[in-house]
Protein backbone atom coordinates (compact mmCIF):
# COMPACT_ATOMS: atom_id res chain seq x y z
CA UNK A 1 -12.58 14.07 27.12
CA UNK A 2 -13.53 14.24 23.78
CA UNK A 3 -14.73 10.61 22.34
CA UNK A 4 -11.77 8.80 19.56
CA UNK A 5 -12.03 9.68 16.20
CA UNK A 6 -14.55 7.96 14.60
CA UNK A 7 -12.45 7.02 11.11
CA UNK A 8 -9.79 5.40 13.39
CA UNK A 9 -9.78 1.62 13.16
CA UNK A 10 -9.68 -0.28 16.50
CA UNK A 11 -6.57 -2.36 17.95
CA UNK A 12 -6.92 -5.63 15.66
CA UNK A 13 -8.73 -4.34 13.31
CA UNK A 14 -9.22 -6.23 9.31
CA UNK A 15 -6.39 -4.89 7.73
CA UNK A 16 -8.82 -4.61 4.82
CA UNK A 17 -10.31 -1.66 6.23
CA UNK A 18 -6.82 0.54 6.28
CA UNK A 19 -7.12 0.78 3.07
CA UNK A 20 -9.90 1.32 1.78
CA UNK A 21 -10.02 3.85 4.59
CA UNK A 22 -6.83 5.25 2.53
CA UNK A 23 -8.25 5.04 -1.03
CA UNK A 24 -11.50 6.79 0.04
CA UNK A 25 -10.86 9.59 -2.00
CA UNK A 26 -11.38 8.07 -4.94
CA UNK A 27 -15.30 7.88 -4.14
CA UNK A 28 -16.96 5.29 -5.24
CA UNK A 29 -13.72 3.83 -7.45
CA UNK A 30 -12.00 2.52 -4.49
CA UNK A 31 -9.58 -0.15 -4.83
CA UNK A 32 -6.85 -0.60 -3.55
CA UNK A 33 -5.86 -2.74 -6.12
CA UNK A 34 -5.64 0.59 -8.92
CA UNK A 35 -3.30 2.66 -7.73
CA UNK A 36 -0.73 -0.23 -8.87
CA UNK A 37 -2.63 -0.46 -12.03
CA UNK A 38 -2.63 3.17 -12.74
CA UNK A 39 0.68 3.32 -11.42
CA UNK A 40 1.66 1.07 -14.26
CA UNK A 41 0.32 2.60 -17.31
CA UNK A 42 1.24 6.33 -15.77
CA UNK A 43 4.43 4.98 -16.61
CA UNK A 44 3.88 3.24 -20.00
CA UNK A 45 2.09 6.36 -20.63
CA UNK A 46 5.39 8.50 -19.93
CA UNK A 47 7.50 6.47 -21.48
CA UNK A 48 5.60 6.40 -25.22
CA UNK A 49 5.38 10.02 -24.52
CA UNK A 50 9.18 10.83 -24.13
CA UNK A 51 10.53 8.17 -26.68
CA UNK A 52 9.96 10.62 -29.78
CA UNK A 53 12.24 13.25 -27.88
CA UNK A 54 15.16 10.42 -26.24
CA UNK A 55 15.01 8.06 -30.47
CA UNK A 56 15.88 12.38 -31.84
CA UNK A 57 18.41 12.74 -29.27
CA UNK A 58 20.29 9.18 -30.16
CA UNK A 59 20.27 9.96 -33.55
CA UNK A 60 21.49 12.92 -32.98
CA UNK A 61 24.92 11.57 -31.43
CA UNK A 62 23.91 13.95 -27.83
């Protein structure tokens, strides 16, 4: 029988360790808080990028 995976958390472990494991692929910038910040910044960047196109279509009367 094979031993359990070393990366799985034992029952009753701290939730923060599970979150840290989830974001380990980010390398040394493995902070779960940055995921929400990156999401907000990417949505804002997309809004600013598409704003001229939306205004152009709006002024043209669809």
